[in-house]
Amino acid sequence: MFDFRPDPDCPKPEAYRQLCEAADALTSGETDSVANMANTAALLWEFLPDVNWTGFYRLVEGGLVLGPFVGRPACIRIPLGSGVCGVAAASSETQLVENVHAFPGHIACDADTKSELVVPVIRDGRVVAVIDLDSPNEARFDHDDRAGVERLASILSGRI
């Protein structure tokens, strides 16, 4: 049995170090991408305070399709270039959005979400998925979150 729990008093960069270490341990040697995304979504949920959705969208046939997640039911398909996830996938660039209601073309899967961080997972120069984090708090995510989740995406790039 694994018991990956963050130290609630550690600084955010250290929490992300612990998160990445846990994700690496859980996914190392496992070839099933769904299992790896599911465990990672659960780790993100455990490690990150003030989130209401943690999970993945996979790039399938030119669009994004819902992958493993923790949170309320979500949109199943997102066209490339639409919403925060679609823009991140189409541009291959992280999207850190302080106020989703100000984001052009935002897709509201959960009306409680106010901020979002979406990081592309890139393998061999191509986006294969995005890691999507939502929060009911405006401006919840910052550059430490961005750096930590980008490091996580790098670890997962060959495992999902």
N, C-alpha and C. Protein backbone atom coordinates (compact mmCIF):
# COMPACT_ATOMS: atom_id res chain seq x y z
N MET A 1 0.84 -1.18 0.00
CA MET A 1 0.00 0.00 0.00
C MET A 1 0.89 1.25 0.00
N PHE A 2 0.48 2.20 -0.81
CA PHE A 2 1.20 3.46 -0.89
C PHE A 2 0.51 4.48 0.00
N ASP A 3 1.26 5.31 0.65
CA ASP A 3 0.70 6.39 1.45
C ASP A 3 1.46 7.67 1.10
N PHE A 4 1.10 8.22 -0.05
CA PHE A 4 1.74 9.45 -0.50
C PHE A 4 0.92 10.62 0.02
N ARG A 5 1.46 11.32 0.99
CA ARG A 5 0.79 12.50 1.53
C ARG A 5 1.80 13.62 1.67
N PRO A 6 1.41 14.80 1.25
CA PRO A 6 2.33 15.92 1.37
C PRO A 6 2.41 16.43 2.79
N ASP A 7 3.52 17.03 3.09
CA ASP A 7 3.65 17.75 4.36
C ASP A 7 2.88 19.06 4.18
N PRO A 8 1.82 19.28 4.94
CA PRO A 8 0.98 20.47 4.72
C PRO A 8 1.69 21.79 4.99
N ASP A 9 2.80 21.76 5.69
CA ASP A 9 3.50 23.00 6.03
C ASP A 9 4.71 23.30 5.14
N CYS A 10 4.98 22.45 4.17
CA CYS A 10 6.17 22.68 3.35
C CYS A 10 5.88 23.74 2.28
N PRO A 11 6.91 24.43 1.83
CA PRO A 11 6.74 25.42 0.76
C PRO A 11 6.29 24.74 -0.53
N LYS A 12 5.61 25.50 -1.36
CA LYS A 12 5.03 24.95 -2.58
C LYS A 12 6.05 24.24 -3.47
N PRO A 13 7.24 24.80 -3.71
CA PRO A 13 8.21 24.06 -4.54
C PRO A 13 8.57 22.69 -3.96
N GLU A 14 8.67 22.60 -2.64
CA GLU A 14 8.96 21.31 -2.01
C GLU A 14 7.78 20.35 -2.15
N ALA A 15 6.56 20.87 -2.05
CA ALA A 15 5.38 20.02 -2.24
C ALA A 15 5.37 19.44 -3.66
N TYR A 16 5.74 20.26 -4.63
CA TYR A 16 5.80 19.75 -6.01
C TYR A 16 6.94 18.74 -6.18
N ARG A 17 8.04 18.95 -5.48
CA ARG A 17 9.12 17.96 -5.53
C ARG A 17 8.61 16.63 -5.02
N GLN A 18 7.90 16.66 -3.89
CA GLN A 18 7.34 15.44 -3.33
C GLN A 18 6.30 14.82 -4.26
N LEU A 19 5.46 15.65 -4.87
CA LEU A 19 4.45 15.17 -5.81
C LEU A 19 5.10 14.48 -7.00
N CYS A 20 6.11 15.10 -7.57
CA CYS A 20 6.80 14.51 -8.72
C CYS A 20 7.50 13.22 -8.34
N GLU A 21 8.08 13.18 -7.16
CA GLU A 21 8.73 11.96 -6.68
C GLU A 21 7.70 10.83 -6.54
N ALA A 22 6.53 11.15 -5.99
CA ALA A 22 5.47 10.15 -5.83
C ALA A 22 4.96 9.68 -7.19
N ALA A 23 4.74 10.61 -8.11
CA ALA A 23 4.25 10.23 -9.45
C ALA A 23 5.28 9.38 -10.17
N ASP A 24 6.54 9.73 -10.03
CA ASP A 24 7.60 8.94 -10.65
C ASP A 24 7.60 7.52 -10.09
N ALA A 25 7.48 7.39 -8.78
CA ALA A 25 7.48 6.07 -8.16
C ALA A 25 6.27 5.24 -8.60
N LEU A 26 5.11 5.88 -8.69
CA LEU A 26 3.89 5.14 -9.06
C LEU A 26 3.85 4.74 -10.53
N THR A 27 4.43 5.56 -11.40
CA THR A 27 4.31 5.30 -12.84
C THR A 27 5.52 4.62 -13.46
N SER A 28 6.63 4.61 -12.74
CA SER A 28 7.85 4.00 -13.27
C SER A 28 7.63 2.51 -13.55
N GLY A 29 7.90 2.12 -14.78
CA GLY A 29 7.77 0.72 -15.16
C GLY A 29 6.36 0.28 -15.52
N GLU A 30 5.37 1.13 -15.28
CA GLU A 30 3.98 0.79 -15.64
C GLU A 30 3.71 1.25 -17.06
N THR A 31 3.22 0.36 -17.91
CA THR A 31 3.00 0.68 -19.31
C THR A 31 1.57 1.09 -19.62
N ASP A 32 0.66 0.93 -18.67
CA ASP A 32 -0.73 1.29 -18.93
C ASP A 32 -0.94 2.78 -18.70
N SER A 33 -1.22 3.50 -19.76
CA SER A 33 -1.34 4.95 -19.66
C SER A 33 -2.55 5.37 -18.82
N VAL A 34 -3.65 4.63 -18.90
CA VAL A 34 -4.83 4.98 -18.12
C VAL A 34 -4.54 4.86 -16.63
N ALA A 35 -3.88 3.78 -16.24
CA ALA A 35 -3.51 3.60 -14.83
C ALA A 35 -2.60 4.73 -14.37
N ASN A 36 -1.65 5.10 -15.20
CA ASN A 36 -0.71 6.16 -14.83
C ASN A 36 -1.41 7.52 -14.71
N MET A 37 -2.34 7.81 -15.62
CA MET A 37 -3.09 9.06 -15.52
C MET A 37 -4.00 9.05 -14.29
N ALA A 38 -4.63 7.91 -14.02
CA ALA A 38 -5.55 7.81 -12.87
C ALA A 38 -4.80 8.04 -11.56
N ASN A 39 -3.68 7.38 -11.38
CA ASN A 39 -2.92 7.58 -10.15
C ASN A 39 -2.40 9.00 -10.03
N THR A 40 -1.99 9.58 -11.14
CA THR A 40 -1.48 10.95 -11.10
C THR A 40 -2.59 11.94 -10.78
N ALA A 41 -3.78 11.75 -11.35
CA ALA A 41 -4.91 12.62 -11.03
C ALA A 41 -5.22 12.55 -9.53
N ALA A 42 -5.16 11.35 -8.96
CA ALA A 42 -5.41 11.19 -7.52
C ALA A 42 -4.31 11.86 -6.69
N LEU A 43 -3.06 11.74 -7.13
CA LEU A 43 -1.97 12.42 -6.42
C LEU A 43 -2.15 13.94 -6.44
N LEU A 44 -2.50 14.48 -7.60
CA LEU A 44 -2.72 15.92 -7.70
C LEU A 44 -3.83 16.36 -6.74
N TRP A 45 -4.88 15.57 -6.66
CA TRP A 45 -6.00 15.87 -5.76
C TRP A 45 -5.53 15.88 -4.31
N GLU A 46 -4.70 14.90 -3.95
CA GLU A 46 -4.18 14.80 -2.58
C GLU A 46 -3.21 15.93 -2.23
N PHE A 47 -2.37 16.29 -3.18
CA PHE A 47 -1.29 17.23 -2.90
C PHE A 47 -1.69 18.69 -3.00
N LEU A 48 -2.71 19.00 -3.80
CA LEU A 48 -3.01 20.41 -4.08
C LEU A 48 -4.24 20.88 -3.32
N PRO A 49 -4.08 21.89 -2.47
CA PRO A 49 -5.25 22.46 -1.79
C PRO A 49 -6.04 23.36 -2.75
N ASP A 50 -7.28 23.56 -2.43
CA ASP A 50 -8.12 24.53 -3.14
C ASP A 50 -8.28 24.22 -4.62
N VAL A 51 -8.47 22.94 -4.94
CA VAL A 51 -8.79 22.56 -6.32
C VAL A 51 -10.14 21.85 -6.31
N ASN A 52 -10.85 21.95 -7.43
CA ASN A 52 -12.11 21.23 -7.56
C ASN A 52 -12.12 20.26 -8.73
N TRP A 53 -10.99 20.15 -9.43
CA TRP A 53 -10.87 19.18 -10.52
C TRP A 53 -9.39 18.99 -10.84
N THR A 54 -8.95 17.74 -10.93
CA THR A 54 -7.59 17.43 -11.35
C THR A 54 -7.67 16.25 -12.31
N GLY A 55 -7.08 16.39 -13.47
CA GLY A 55 -7.15 15.27 -14.39
C GLY A 55 -6.51 15.54 -15.73
N PHE A 56 -6.91 14.70 -16.68
CA PHE A 56 -6.30 14.67 -18.00
C PHE A 56 -7.33 14.74 -19.10
N TYR A 57 -6.94 15.35 -20.19
CA TYR A 57 -7.60 15.21 -21.48
C TYR A 57 -6.55 14.65 -22.43
N ARG A 58 -6.94 13.63 -23.20
CA ARG A 58 -6.03 12.97 -24.13
C ARG A 58 -6.28 13.47 -25.54
N LEU A 59 -5.21 13.60 -26.32
CA LEU A 59 -5.36 14.00 -27.72
C LEU A 59 -5.70 12.75 -28.52
N VAL A 60 -6.89 12.76 -29.10
CA VAL A 60 -7.39 11.60 -29.86
C VAL A 60 -8.03 12.12 -31.14
N GLU A 61 -7.54 11.67 -32.27
CA GLU A 61 -8.14 12.00 -33.57
C GLU A 61 -8.39 13.49 -33.75
N GLY A 62 -7.41 14.30 -33.43
CA GLY A 62 -7.49 15.73 -33.70
C GLY A 62 -8.27 16.55 -32.68
N GLY A 63 -8.64 15.96 -31.57
CA GLY A 63 -9.33 16.70 -30.51
C GLY A 63 -8.99 16.11 -29.15
N LEU A 64 -9.48 16.75 -28.12
CA LEU A 64 -9.23 16.26 -26.77
C LEU A 64 -10.42 15.43 -26.28
N VAL A 65 -10.11 14.32 -25.62
CA VAL A 65 -11.12 13.44 -25.04
C VAL A 65 -10.79 13.27 -23.56
N LEU A 66 -11.82 13.33 -22.75
CA LEU A 66 -11.67 13.20 -21.31
C LEU A 66 -10.90 11.95 -20.93
N GLY A 67 -9.96 12.12 -20.01
CA GLY A 67 -9.21 11.01 -19.46
C GLY A 67 -9.50 10.88 -17.98
N PRO A 68 -8.71 10.11 -17.26
CA PRO A 68 -8.92 9.95 -15.82
C PRO A 68 -8.85 11.29 -15.09
N PHE A 69 -9.72 11.43 -14.07
CA PHE A 69 -9.78 12.68 -13.31
C PHE A 69 -10.38 12.43 -11.94
N VAL A 70 -10.26 13.43 -11.08
CA VAL A 70 -10.95 13.47 -9.80
C VAL A 70 -11.72 14.79 -9.78
N GLY A 71 -13.00 14.73 -9.47
CA GLY A 71 -13.83 15.93 -9.43
C GLY A 71 -15.20 15.64 -10.00
N ARG A 72 -15.93 16.70 -10.28
CA ARG A 72 -17.28 16.58 -10.82
C ARG A 72 -17.22 16.12 -12.28
N PRO A 73 -18.33 15.55 -12.79
CA PRO A 73 -18.36 15.16 -14.20
C PRO A 73 -17.94 16.33 -15.09
N ALA A 74 -17.30 16.00 -16.20
CA ALA A 74 -16.69 17.03 -17.05
C ALA A 74 -17.09 16.86 -18.51
N CYS A 75 -16.77 17.87 -19.29
CA CYS A 75 -16.97 17.81 -20.74
C CYS A 75 -16.18 16.62 -21.28
N ILE A 76 -16.77 15.89 -22.20
CA ILE A 76 -16.11 14.69 -22.72
C ILE A 76 -15.17 15.03 -23.87
N ARG A 77 -15.59 15.88 -24.78
CA ARG A 77 -14.76 16.22 -25.94
C ARG A 77 -14.57 17.74 -26.02
N ILE A 78 -13.35 18.13 -26.32
CA ILE A 78 -13.01 19.55 -26.49
C ILE A 78 -12.24 19.69 -27.80
N PRO A 79 -12.74 20.52 -28.72
CA PRO A 79 -12.00 20.73 -29.97
C PRO A 79 -10.68 21.46 -29.72
N LEU A 80 -9.67 21.13 -30.52
CA LEU A 80 -8.40 21.86 -30.43
C LEU A 80 -8.66 23.34 -30.66
N GLY A 81 -8.04 24.17 -29.84
CA GLY A 81 -8.19 25.61 -29.95
C GLY A 81 -9.37 26.17 -29.18
N SER A 82 -10.21 25.30 -28.60
CA SER A 82 -11.38 25.77 -27.85
C SER A 82 -11.13 25.63 -26.35
N GLY A 83 -11.53 26.64 -25.61
CA GLY A 83 -11.36 26.61 -24.17
C GLY A 83 -9.89 26.61 -23.78
N VAL A 84 -9.66 26.58 -22.49
CA VAL A 84 -8.29 26.63 -21.98
C VAL A 84 -7.53 25.37 -22.38
N CYS A 85 -8.16 24.21 -22.25
CA CYS A 85 -7.49 22.95 -22.60
C CYS A 85 -7.19 22.87 -24.09
N GLY A 86 -8.15 23.25 -24.91
CA GLY A 86 -7.96 23.20 -26.36
C GLY A 86 -6.88 24.15 -26.84
N VAL A 87 -6.78 25.32 -26.21
CA VAL A 87 -5.72 26.28 -26.57
C VAL A 87 -4.35 25.73 -26.16
N ALA A 88 -4.28 25.14 -24.95
CA ALA A 88 -3.00 24.57 -24.50
C ALA A 88 -2.55 23.46 -25.44
N ALA A 89 -3.47 22.60 -25.85
CA ALA A 89 -3.12 21.49 -26.74
C ALA A 89 -2.73 22.00 -28.13
N ALA A 90 -3.46 22.96 -28.66
CA ALA A 90 -3.17 23.47 -30.01
C ALA A 90 -1.87 24.25 -30.07
N SER A 91 -1.55 24.97 -28.99
CA SER A 91 -0.36 25.81 -28.99
C SER A 91 0.87 25.12 -28.41
N SER A 92 0.66 23.97 -27.76
CA SER A 92 1.73 23.27 -27.04
C SER A 92 2.32 24.13 -25.93
N GLU A 93 1.52 25.05 -25.39
CA GLU A 93 1.99 25.97 -24.35
C GLU A 93 1.08 25.92 -23.14
N THR A 94 1.69 25.99 -21.97
CA THR A 94 0.95 26.04 -20.71
C THR A 94 0.04 27.26 -20.68
N GLN A 95 -1.15 27.05 -20.15
CA GLN A 95 -2.11 28.14 -19.96
C GLN A 95 -2.37 28.31 -18.48
N LEU A 96 -2.00 29.46 -17.93
CA LEU A 96 -2.25 29.80 -16.53
C LEU A 96 -3.27 30.93 -16.54
N VAL A 97 -4.48 30.62 -16.11
CA VAL A 97 -5.59 31.56 -16.24
C VAL A 97 -6.11 31.94 -14.85
N GLU A 98 -5.94 33.20 -14.49
CA GLU A 98 -6.37 33.66 -13.17
C GLU A 98 -7.88 33.75 -13.04
N ASN A 99 -8.56 34.11 -14.14
CA ASN A 99 -10.02 34.25 -14.13
C ASN A 99 -10.56 33.64 -15.43
N VAL A 100 -11.10 32.43 -15.32
CA VAL A 100 -11.56 31.73 -16.53
C VAL A 100 -12.69 32.48 -17.23
N HIS A 101 -13.45 33.28 -16.50
CA HIS A 101 -14.57 33.99 -17.12
C HIS A 101 -14.08 35.11 -18.04
N ALA A 102 -12.83 35.50 -17.91
CA ALA A 102 -12.24 36.51 -18.79
C ALA A 102 -11.49 35.86 -19.96
N PHE A 103 -11.42 34.52 -19.99
CA PHE A 103 -10.69 33.82 -21.05
C PHE A 103 -11.62 33.66 -22.25
N PRO A 104 -11.22 34.18 -23.42
CA PRO A 104 -12.08 34.07 -24.60
C PRO A 104 -12.36 32.61 -24.96
N GLY A 105 -13.63 32.26 -25.08
CA GLY A 105 -14.01 30.92 -25.48
C GLY A 105 -13.95 29.90 -24.36
N HIS A 106 -13.88 30.35 -23.11
CA HIS A 106 -13.83 29.42 -21.98
C HIS A 106 -15.02 28.47 -22.04
N ILE A 107 -14.75 27.19 -21.80
CA ILE A 107 -15.79 26.16 -21.74
C ILE A 107 -16.05 25.87 -20.26
N ALA A 108 -17.24 26.14 -19.80
CA ALA A 108 -17.56 25.99 -18.39
C ALA A 108 -18.15 24.60 -18.13
N CYS A 109 -17.30 23.66 -17.74
CA CYS A 109 -17.78 22.33 -17.35
C CYS A 109 -18.34 22.39 -15.93
N ASP A 110 -17.73 23.19 -15.07
CA ASP A 110 -18.16 23.35 -13.69
C ASP A 110 -18.26 24.85 -13.41
N ALA A 111 -19.46 25.32 -13.13
CA ALA A 111 -19.68 26.75 -12.91
C ALA A 111 -18.92 27.29 -11.71
N ASP A 112 -18.48 26.40 -10.80
CA ASP A 112 -17.73 26.84 -9.62
C ASP A 112 -16.28 27.19 -9.93
N THR A 113 -15.76 26.74 -11.06
CA THR A 113 -14.36 26.98 -11.40
C THR A 113 -14.13 28.45 -11.72
N LYS A 114 -13.07 29.00 -11.11
CA LYS A 114 -12.72 30.41 -11.34
C LYS A 114 -11.33 30.57 -11.93
N SER A 115 -10.43 29.61 -11.68
CA SER A 115 -9.08 29.70 -12.26
C SER A 115 -8.66 28.32 -12.73
N GLU A 116 -7.68 28.32 -13.63
CA GLU A 116 -7.31 27.06 -14.26
C GLU A 116 -5.83 27.08 -14.67
N LEU A 117 -5.22 25.91 -14.58
CA LEU A 117 -3.86 25.70 -15.07
C LEU A 117 -3.90 24.47 -15.96
N VAL A 118 -3.47 24.62 -17.21
CA VAL A 118 -3.45 23.50 -18.15
C VAL A 118 -2.04 23.39 -18.74
N VAL A 119 -1.46 22.20 -18.58
CA VAL A 119 -0.08 21.96 -19.03
C VAL A 119 -0.08 20.83 -20.05
N PRO A 120 0.45 21.09 -21.25
CA PRO A 120 0.52 20.01 -22.25
C PRO A 120 1.57 18.96 -21.86
N VAL A 121 1.25 17.72 -22.16
CA VAL A 121 2.19 16.62 -22.01
C VAL A 121 2.69 16.33 -23.43
N ILE A 122 3.99 16.51 -23.63
CA ILE A 122 4.57 16.44 -24.98
C ILE A 122 5.52 15.26 -25.07
N ARG A 123 5.30 14.43 -26.09
CA ARG A 123 6.19 13.29 -26.35
C ARG A 123 6.62 13.36 -27.81
N ASP A 124 7.92 13.27 -28.03
CA ASP A 124 8.48 13.32 -29.38
C ASP A 124 8.00 14.56 -30.15
N GLY A 125 7.92 15.70 -29.43
CA GLY A 125 7.56 16.96 -30.06
C GLY A 125 6.08 17.15 -30.32
N ARG A 126 5.23 16.20 -29.87
CA ARG A 126 3.78 16.31 -30.11
C ARG A 126 3.01 16.21 -28.80
N VAL A 127 1.96 16.99 -28.70
CA VAL A 127 1.09 16.92 -27.53
C VAL A 127 0.33 15.59 -27.56
N VAL A 128 0.37 14.85 -26.45
CA VAL A 128 -0.38 13.60 -26.35
C VAL A 128 -1.53 13.73 -25.35
N ALA A 129 -1.45 14.72 -24.47
CA ALA A 129 -2.48 14.94 -23.46
C ALA A 129 -2.24 16.31 -22.83
N VAL A 130 -3.19 16.72 -22.00
CA VAL A 130 -2.98 17.90 -21.16
C VAL A 130 -3.36 17.53 -19.73
N ILE A 131 -2.64 18.11 -18.79
CA ILE A 131 -3.00 18.03 -17.38
C ILE A 131 -3.82 19.27 -17.09
N ASP A 132 -5.01 19.08 -16.55
CA ASP A 132 -5.94 20.17 -16.31
C ASP A 132 -6.22 20.27 -14.81
N LEU A 133 -5.99 21.45 -14.25
CA LEU A 133 -6.27 21.72 -12.84
C LEU A 133 -7.24 22.90 -12.76
N ASP A 134 -8.32 22.73 -12.02
CA ASP A 134 -9.31 23.78 -11.83
C ASP A 134 -9.41 24.12 -10.35
N SER A 135 -9.77 25.38 -10.08
CA SER A 135 -9.95 25.82 -8.70
C SER A 135 -11.18 26.72 -8.59
N PRO A 136 -11.88 26.64 -7.47
CA PRO A 136 -12.98 27.56 -7.24
C PRO A 136 -12.50 28.94 -6.77
N ASN A 137 -11.20 29.10 -6.63
CA ASN A 137 -10.62 30.38 -6.19
C ASN A 137 -9.99 31.10 -7.38
N GLU A 138 -10.27 32.38 -7.51
CA GLU A 138 -9.65 33.17 -8.55
C GLU A 138 -8.15 33.30 -8.25
N ALA A 139 -7.33 33.23 -9.28
CA ALA A 139 -5.87 33.38 -9.19
C ALA A 139 -5.25 32.34 -8.24
N ARG A 140 -5.80 31.14 -8.20
CA ARG A 140 -5.30 30.07 -7.33
C ARG A 140 -3.90 29.62 -7.74
N PHE A 141 -3.63 29.58 -9.04
CA PHE A 141 -2.38 29.02 -9.54
C PHE A 141 -1.38 30.13 -9.84
N ASP A 142 -0.09 29.81 -9.59
CA ASP A 142 0.96 30.78 -9.82
C ASP A 142 2.12 30.12 -10.56
N HIS A 143 3.24 30.81 -10.62
CA HIS A 143 4.39 30.30 -11.37
C HIS A 143 5.01 29.07 -10.71
N ASP A 144 4.92 28.94 -9.39
CA ASP A 144 5.38 27.71 -8.74
C ASP A 144 4.53 26.52 -9.17
N ASP A 145 3.22 26.73 -9.26
CA ASP A 145 2.34 25.65 -9.74
C ASP A 145 2.70 25.30 -11.19
N ARG A 146 2.87 26.31 -11.99
CA ARG A 146 3.22 26.08 -13.40
C ARG A 146 4.50 25.25 -13.52
N ALA A 147 5.54 25.66 -12.81
CA ALA A 147 6.82 24.95 -12.87
C ALA A 147 6.68 23.52 -12.36
N GLY A 148 5.93 23.32 -11.28
CA GLY A 148 5.75 21.99 -10.72
C GLY A 148 4.99 21.06 -11.64
N VAL A 149 3.93 21.56 -12.25
CA VAL A 149 3.13 20.71 -13.14
C VAL A 149 3.85 20.49 -14.47
N GLU A 150 4.61 21.45 -14.92
CA GLU A 150 5.42 21.24 -16.13
C GLU A 150 6.46 20.15 -15.88
N ARG A 151 7.06 20.14 -14.70
CA ARG A 151 8.01 19.07 -14.35
C ARG A 151 7.29 17.72 -14.32
N LEU A 152 6.10 17.68 -13.75
CA LEU A 152 5.30 16.46 -13.72
C LEU A 152 4.98 15.98 -15.14
N ALA A 153 4.59 16.89 -16.01
CA ALA A 153 4.28 16.53 -17.40
C ALA A 153 5.50 15.92 -18.09
N SER A 154 6.67 16.45 -17.78
CA SER A 154 7.89 15.90 -18.35
C SER A 154 8.14 14.46 -17.89
N ILE A 155 7.90 14.20 -16.61
CA ILE A 155 8.06 12.84 -16.08
C ILE A 155 7.09 11.89 -16.77
N LEU A 156 5.86 12.35 -17.00
CA LEU A 156 4.81 11.49 -17.55
C LEU A 156 4.86 11.34 -19.06
N SER A 157 5.65 12.15 -19.73
CA SER A 157 5.59 12.20 -21.19
C SER A 157 5.80 10.84 -21.88
N GLY A 158 6.60 9.99 -21.32
CA GLY A 158 6.79 8.67 -21.93
C GLY A 158 5.97 7.59 -21.26
N ARG A 159 5.08 7.98 -20.36
CA ARG A 159 4.34 6.98 -19.57
C ARG A 159 2.82 7.03 -19.77
N ILE A 160 2.38 8.00 -20.60
CA ILE A 160 0.95 8.05 -20.88
C ILE A 160 0.70 8.12 -22.38
